[in-house]
N, C-alpha and C. Protein backbone atom coordinates (compact mmCIF):
# COMPACT_ATOMS: atom_id res chain seq x y z
N MET A 1 4.73 -13.71 -192.03
CA MET A 1 3.53 -14.39 -191.59
C MET A 1 3.61 -15.85 -192.04
N TYR A 2 3.20 -16.73 -191.17
CA TYR A 2 3.22 -18.15 -191.47
C TYR A 2 1.81 -18.69 -191.26
N PRO A 3 1.07 -18.95 -192.33
CA PRO A 3 -0.29 -19.46 -192.15
C PRO A 3 -0.26 -20.92 -191.69
N VAL A 4 -0.94 -21.19 -190.60
CA VAL A 4 -1.08 -22.56 -190.09
C VAL A 4 -2.43 -23.05 -190.56
N ARG A 5 -2.40 -24.01 -191.46
CA ARG A 5 -3.65 -24.50 -192.04
C ARG A 5 -4.06 -25.87 -191.52
N THR A 6 -3.12 -26.56 -190.87
CA THR A 6 -3.43 -27.86 -190.30
C THR A 6 -2.85 -27.94 -188.89
N PRO A 7 -3.44 -28.74 -188.02
CA PRO A 7 -2.91 -28.86 -186.66
C PRO A 7 -1.45 -29.32 -186.64
N GLY A 8 -1.05 -30.14 -187.58
CA GLY A 8 0.30 -30.65 -187.62
C GLY A 8 1.36 -29.60 -187.92
N GLN A 9 0.96 -28.46 -188.43
CA GLN A 9 1.92 -27.39 -188.76
C GLN A 9 2.28 -26.53 -187.56
N LEU A 10 1.45 -26.53 -186.54
CA LEU A 10 1.66 -25.62 -185.43
C LEU A 10 2.90 -25.96 -184.60
N GLY A 11 3.09 -27.21 -184.26
CA GLY A 11 4.25 -27.61 -183.45
C GLY A 11 5.57 -27.24 -184.09
N PRO A 12 5.79 -27.65 -185.35
CA PRO A 12 7.04 -27.27 -186.01
C PRO A 12 7.21 -25.75 -186.13
N TYR A 13 6.11 -25.04 -186.30
CA TYR A 13 6.20 -23.59 -186.36
C TYR A 13 6.67 -23.02 -185.02
N LEU A 14 6.10 -23.50 -183.92
CA LEU A 14 6.52 -23.02 -182.60
C LEU A 14 8.00 -23.30 -182.35
N LYS A 15 8.43 -24.49 -182.72
CA LYS A 15 9.83 -24.87 -182.53
C LYS A 15 10.75 -23.97 -183.37
N SER A 16 10.36 -23.76 -184.62
CA SER A 16 11.14 -22.91 -185.51
C SER A 16 11.20 -21.48 -184.99
N LEU A 17 10.09 -20.97 -184.53
CA LEU A 17 10.04 -19.62 -184.01
C LEU A 17 10.91 -19.48 -182.76
N ARG A 18 10.86 -20.47 -181.89
CA ARG A 18 11.70 -20.44 -180.69
C ARG A 18 13.17 -20.39 -181.07
N ARG A 19 13.54 -21.22 -182.03
CA ARG A 19 14.94 -21.23 -182.48
C ARG A 19 15.35 -19.93 -183.13
N GLU A 20 14.45 -19.35 -183.94
CA GLU A 20 14.74 -18.05 -184.57
C GLU A 20 15.00 -16.98 -183.53
N ARG A 21 14.33 -17.10 -182.39
CA ARG A 21 14.49 -16.12 -181.31
C ARG A 21 15.74 -16.42 -180.47
N GLY A 22 16.45 -17.49 -180.83
CA GLY A 22 17.68 -17.83 -180.12
C GLY A 22 17.44 -18.43 -178.74
N LEU A 23 16.29 -19.05 -178.55
CA LEU A 23 15.95 -19.62 -177.26
C LEU A 23 16.04 -21.14 -177.28
N THR A 24 16.56 -21.69 -176.21
CA THR A 24 16.49 -23.13 -176.01
C THR A 24 15.14 -23.45 -175.38
N GLN A 25 14.81 -24.72 -175.35
CA GLN A 25 13.57 -25.11 -174.66
C GLN A 25 13.64 -24.71 -173.19
N ALA A 26 14.82 -24.88 -172.59
CA ALA A 26 14.99 -24.53 -171.18
C ALA A 26 14.80 -23.03 -170.94
N ALA A 27 15.34 -22.21 -171.85
CA ALA A 27 15.20 -20.75 -171.70
C ALA A 27 13.74 -20.32 -171.84
N LEU A 28 13.05 -20.88 -172.82
CA LEU A 28 11.63 -20.55 -173.00
C LEU A 28 10.83 -21.02 -171.79
N ALA A 29 11.15 -22.20 -171.31
CA ALA A 29 10.47 -22.74 -170.13
C ALA A 29 10.64 -21.81 -168.93
N ALA A 30 11.84 -21.29 -168.75
CA ALA A 30 12.10 -20.40 -167.62
C ALA A 30 11.24 -19.14 -167.70
N VAL A 31 11.11 -18.58 -168.89
CA VAL A 31 10.29 -17.38 -169.07
C VAL A 31 8.82 -17.70 -168.82
N LEU A 32 8.38 -18.86 -169.29
CA LEU A 32 6.98 -19.26 -169.13
C LEU A 32 6.66 -19.76 -167.73
N GLY A 33 7.70 -20.14 -166.99
CA GLY A 33 7.47 -20.68 -165.65
C GLY A 33 7.01 -22.12 -165.66
N VAL A 34 7.47 -22.87 -166.68
CA VAL A 34 7.13 -24.29 -166.79
C VAL A 34 8.43 -25.09 -166.95
N SER A 35 8.31 -26.40 -167.00
CA SER A 35 9.49 -27.24 -167.18
C SER A 35 9.90 -27.30 -168.65
N ARG A 36 11.14 -27.66 -168.88
CA ARG A 36 11.61 -27.86 -170.25
C ARG A 36 10.81 -28.97 -170.92
N ALA A 37 10.46 -29.99 -170.16
CA ALA A 37 9.65 -31.09 -170.70
C ALA A 37 8.29 -30.58 -171.19
N ARG A 38 7.73 -29.59 -170.49
CA ARG A 38 6.44 -29.03 -170.91
C ARG A 38 6.57 -28.31 -172.24
N VAL A 39 7.65 -27.57 -172.42
CA VAL A 39 7.89 -26.89 -173.70
C VAL A 39 8.03 -27.94 -174.81
N HIS A 40 8.75 -29.00 -174.53
CA HIS A 40 8.90 -30.08 -175.51
C HIS A 40 7.53 -30.64 -175.89
N THR A 41 6.68 -30.87 -174.89
CA THR A 41 5.34 -31.39 -175.15
C THR A 41 4.53 -30.42 -175.98
N ILE A 42 4.63 -29.14 -175.69
CA ILE A 42 3.88 -28.13 -176.46
C ILE A 42 4.34 -28.13 -177.91
N GLU A 43 5.64 -28.24 -178.14
CA GLU A 43 6.15 -28.26 -179.52
C GLU A 43 5.77 -29.55 -180.24
N ARG A 44 5.68 -30.63 -179.52
CA ARG A 44 5.35 -31.92 -180.11
C ARG A 44 3.84 -32.05 -180.34
N ASP A 45 3.05 -31.53 -179.39
CA ASP A 45 1.59 -31.66 -179.46
C ASP A 45 0.93 -30.40 -178.92
N PRO A 46 0.84 -29.34 -179.74
CA PRO A 46 0.25 -28.09 -179.27
C PRO A 46 -1.20 -28.24 -178.82
N GLY A 47 -1.85 -29.31 -179.25
CA GLY A 47 -3.23 -29.55 -178.82
C GLY A 47 -3.32 -29.90 -177.35
N ALA A 48 -2.17 -30.14 -176.71
CA ALA A 48 -2.14 -30.50 -175.30
C ALA A 48 -2.23 -29.29 -174.38
N VAL A 49 -2.32 -28.10 -174.96
CA VAL A 49 -2.40 -26.88 -174.15
C VAL A 49 -3.70 -26.14 -174.44
N SER A 50 -4.08 -25.30 -173.52
CA SER A 50 -5.28 -24.48 -173.74
C SER A 50 -4.95 -23.35 -174.68
N VAL A 51 -5.97 -22.70 -175.17
CA VAL A 51 -5.77 -21.53 -176.03
C VAL A 51 -5.04 -20.44 -175.25
N ALA A 52 -5.37 -20.29 -173.98
CA ALA A 52 -4.70 -19.27 -173.15
C ALA A 52 -3.21 -19.57 -173.03
N GLN A 53 -2.86 -20.84 -172.83
CA GLN A 53 -1.45 -21.21 -172.72
C GLN A 53 -0.74 -21.00 -174.05
N LEU A 54 -1.38 -21.38 -175.14
CA LEU A 54 -0.79 -21.17 -176.46
C LEU A 54 -0.58 -19.68 -176.70
N HIS A 55 -1.54 -18.88 -176.32
CA HIS A 55 -1.41 -17.43 -176.48
C HIS A 55 -0.21 -16.91 -175.70
N ARG A 56 0.00 -17.43 -174.51
CA ARG A 56 1.15 -17.01 -173.68
C ARG A 56 2.46 -17.37 -174.37
N VAL A 57 2.55 -18.59 -174.92
CA VAL A 57 3.76 -19.01 -175.63
C VAL A 57 4.02 -18.08 -176.81
N LEU A 58 2.99 -17.82 -177.60
CA LEU A 58 3.14 -16.95 -178.76
C LEU A 58 3.56 -15.54 -178.34
N THR A 59 2.98 -15.03 -177.27
CA THR A 59 3.33 -13.70 -176.80
C THR A 59 4.80 -13.63 -176.39
N VAL A 60 5.26 -14.62 -175.65
CA VAL A 60 6.66 -14.66 -175.23
C VAL A 60 7.58 -14.73 -176.44
N LEU A 61 7.15 -15.43 -177.49
CA LEU A 61 7.96 -15.56 -178.70
C LEU A 61 7.81 -14.36 -179.63
N GLY A 62 6.98 -13.40 -179.24
CA GLY A 62 6.80 -12.20 -180.06
C GLY A 62 5.94 -12.44 -181.28
N ALA A 63 5.08 -13.44 -181.19
CA ALA A 63 4.17 -13.76 -182.31
C ALA A 63 2.74 -13.47 -181.86
N ARG A 64 1.83 -13.55 -182.78
CA ARG A 64 0.42 -13.34 -182.42
C ARG A 64 -0.44 -14.34 -183.18
N LEU A 65 -1.58 -14.59 -182.62
CA LEU A 65 -2.56 -15.48 -183.23
C LEU A 65 -3.57 -14.61 -183.97
N THR A 66 -3.71 -14.85 -185.25
CA THR A 66 -4.66 -14.10 -186.06
C THR A 66 -5.62 -15.07 -186.72
N ILE A 67 -6.89 -14.78 -186.61
CA ILE A 67 -7.90 -15.60 -187.27
C ILE A 67 -8.40 -14.84 -188.48
N ASP A 68 -8.20 -15.43 -189.63
CA ASP A 68 -8.61 -14.82 -190.89
C ASP A 68 -9.86 -15.54 -191.36
N ALA A 69 -11.01 -14.90 -191.19
CA ALA A 69 -12.27 -15.54 -191.54
C ALA A 69 -12.33 -15.87 -193.03
N GLY A 70 -11.83 -14.99 -193.87
CA GLY A 70 -11.82 -15.25 -195.30
C GLY A 70 -13.16 -15.77 -195.82
N ALA A 71 -13.12 -16.40 -196.96
CA ALA A 71 -14.32 -17.00 -197.54
C ALA A 71 -14.42 -18.44 -197.06
N PRO A 72 -15.63 -18.89 -196.77
CA PRO A 72 -15.78 -20.27 -196.32
C PRO A 72 -15.45 -21.24 -197.45
N PRO A 73 -14.90 -22.41 -197.12
CA PRO A 73 -14.62 -23.39 -198.16
C PRO A 73 -15.91 -23.87 -198.80
N ALA A 74 -15.80 -24.39 -199.98
CA ALA A 74 -16.99 -24.83 -200.73
C ALA A 74 -17.81 -25.85 -199.95
N ASP A 75 -17.17 -26.68 -199.15
CA ASP A 75 -17.89 -27.72 -198.42
C ASP A 75 -18.12 -27.35 -196.95
N ALA A 76 -18.16 -26.07 -196.63
CA ALA A 76 -18.28 -25.64 -195.24
C ALA A 76 -19.55 -26.12 -194.58
N SER A 77 -20.65 -26.16 -195.30
CA SER A 77 -21.90 -26.57 -194.67
C SER A 77 -21.82 -28.01 -194.21
N GLY A 78 -21.16 -28.86 -194.96
CA GLY A 78 -20.99 -30.24 -194.54
C GLY A 78 -20.10 -30.35 -193.33
N ALA A 79 -19.05 -29.54 -193.28
CA ALA A 79 -18.15 -29.55 -192.13
C ALA A 79 -18.87 -29.07 -190.88
N ILE A 80 -19.70 -28.06 -191.04
CA ILE A 80 -20.44 -27.53 -189.88
C ILE A 80 -21.41 -28.58 -189.37
N ARG A 81 -22.12 -29.24 -190.27
CA ARG A 81 -23.04 -30.31 -189.85
C ARG A 81 -22.29 -31.42 -189.15
N SER A 82 -21.11 -31.75 -189.66
CA SER A 82 -20.31 -32.82 -189.09
C SER A 82 -19.90 -32.49 -187.66
N VAL A 83 -19.43 -31.26 -187.43
CA VAL A 83 -19.01 -30.85 -186.10
C VAL A 83 -20.22 -30.77 -185.18
N ALA A 84 -21.29 -30.17 -185.68
CA ALA A 84 -22.49 -30.01 -184.87
C ALA A 84 -23.09 -31.37 -184.52
N GLY A 85 -22.84 -32.36 -185.38
CA GLY A 85 -23.38 -33.69 -185.15
C GLY A 85 -22.61 -34.49 -184.12
N GLY A 86 -21.60 -33.90 -183.52
CA GLY A 86 -20.91 -34.56 -182.44
C GLY A 86 -19.71 -35.39 -182.85
N GLU A 87 -19.19 -35.19 -184.03
CA GLU A 87 -18.05 -35.98 -184.46
C GLU A 87 -16.74 -35.49 -183.88
N TRP A 88 -16.76 -34.43 -183.11
CA TRP A 88 -15.55 -33.92 -182.48
C TRP A 88 -15.21 -34.87 -181.42
C-alpha cells in the first residue's frame, strides 16, 4: 500500500506503478484507448483527469483507490471553513 497524502505524490506513484507492471506509456495508452501523450499528461498532472478516468487508470494497473477517513486533523474545522468559503 502506498498512501498518497499530497497531490504531488500521485503522479510519481502512477508512473512507478506502470513501470512495476512492465508497461510503457504507449502500452498503457493502448489499453486505455488514449494517446501516449495523454498518459504522459496523467503522470505529470493527475489533476488533469476526472475521478472516473483516474479510477480507470488505477484499475488497468491493478490498483485501487481507498479513502481512509481516519481521525480528522486537529485543524480540520479551519480547513472545512476555508473550502466552504470558496478558496478552492
